[in-house]
Amino acid sequence: MDTWSKPAAGTDKTDAPHYWSYYGSRLVEQAGISAGMRILDIGCGSYGSSFFPALARVGEGGCVIGFDQCRH
C-alpha cells in the first residue's frame, strides 16, 4: 500500500480499491482496448484495477493475462 499512500496522503487506505478502480477504468478507455483484443497486463496489482476493466472490454473473443508479484 505504499504506492497508494503517496498520491493520496491523508486519505483512508481502505479507499484504495475505489481509487485504483477509477484510474484503471480510465486507463483502459484511453488505451482504446476493444472487443477481441489480446492484452498482457504486467504489474496488474492485487486489485487488478486495469485487468478487470480490460477483461470486460475484450469480451469472450478476447484474452487478458495479468501478472504481478504482490506481497500480500
Protein backbone atom coordinates (compact mmCIF):
# COMPACT_ATOMS: atom_id res chain seq x y z
CA MET A 1 0.00 0.00 0.00
CA ASP A 2 2.99 2.36 -0.08
CA THR A 3 2.09 3.33 -3.64
CA TRP A 4 -1.45 4.16 -2.56
CA SER A 5 -0.33 6.42 0.28
CA LYS A 6 1.88 8.64 -1.90
CA PRO A 7 -0.75 10.15 -4.25
CA ALA A 8 -3.47 10.12 -1.63
CA ALA A 9 -1.74 11.34 1.52
CA GLY A 10 -4.20 11.77 4.36
CA THR A 11 -6.81 9.51 2.75
CA ASP A 12 -8.02 6.35 4.44
CA LYS A 13 -6.18 3.40 2.88
CA THR A 14 -9.40 1.37 2.80
CA ASP A 15 -10.44 3.61 -0.11
CA ALA A 16 -7.57 2.26 -2.23
CA PRO A 17 -9.67 -0.19 -4.29
CA HIS A 18 -12.05 2.61 -5.31
CA TYR A 19 -9.17 4.87 -6.29
CA TRP A 20 -7.44 2.22 -8.38
CA SER A 21 -10.72 1.09 -9.91
CA TYR A 22 -11.43 4.58 -11.25
CA TYR A 23 -7.96 5.07 -12.73
CA GLY A 24 -7.79 1.51 -14.05
CA SER A 25 -11.03 2.04 -15.98
CA ARG A 26 -9.75 5.37 -17.32
CA LEU A 27 -6.52 3.71 -18.47
CA VAL A 28 -8.47 1.05 -20.37
CA GLU A 29 -10.56 3.78 -22.05
CA GLN A 30 -7.51 5.82 -23.03
CA ALA A 31 -5.69 2.75 -24.35
CA GLY A 32 -8.51 2.04 -26.79
CA ILE A 33 -8.97 -1.55 -25.66
CA SER A 34 -11.86 -3.14 -27.53
CA ALA A 35 -13.62 -6.44 -28.19
CA GLY A 36 -11.48 -9.33 -29.36
CA MET A 37 -8.12 -7.86 -28.33
CA ARG A 38 -5.40 -9.83 -26.55
CA ILE A 39 -3.96 -7.94 -23.57
CA LEU A 40 -0.96 -8.63 -21.34
CA ASP A 41 -1.11 -6.67 -18.07
CA ILE A 42 2.33 -6.71 -16.44
CA GLY A 43 2.15 -5.41 -12.87
CA CYS A 44 -1.62 -5.75 -12.63
CA GLY A 45 -1.54 -5.36 -8.84
CA SER A 46 -3.53 -7.11 -6.18
CA TYR A 47 -6.71 -5.20 -7.13
CA GLY A 48 -6.49 -5.84 -10.89
CA SER A 49 -7.59 -2.26 -11.47
CA SER A 50 -6.90 -2.31 -15.20
CA PHE A 51 -7.08 -6.09 -15.63
CA PHE A 52 -10.79 -6.44 -14.86
CA PRO A 53 -11.97 -3.45 -16.94
CA ALA A 54 -9.84 -4.75 -19.83
CA LEU A 55 -11.36 -8.20 -19.41
CA ALA A 56 -14.85 -6.74 -19.60
CA ARG A 57 -13.96 -4.80 -22.76
CA VAL A 58 -12.33 -7.63 -24.72
CA GLY A 59 -15.28 -9.97 -24.13
CA GLU A 60 -15.40 -13.67 -24.87
CA GLY A 61 -13.49 -13.28 -28.14
CA GLY A 62 -10.50 -11.66 -26.44
CA CYS A 63 -7.96 -12.61 -23.83
CA VAL A 64 -6.39 -10.79 -20.86
CA ILE A 65 -3.45 -12.21 -18.95
CA GLY A 66 -2.33 -10.46 -15.77
CA PHE A 67 0.98 -10.90 -13.98
CA ASP A 68 2.12 -9.36 -10.73
CA GLN A 69 4.43 -10.08 -7.84
CA CYS A 70 2.38 -8.95 -4.85
CA ARG A 71 3.47 -9.07 -1.27
CA HIS A 72 0.00 -9.80 0.17
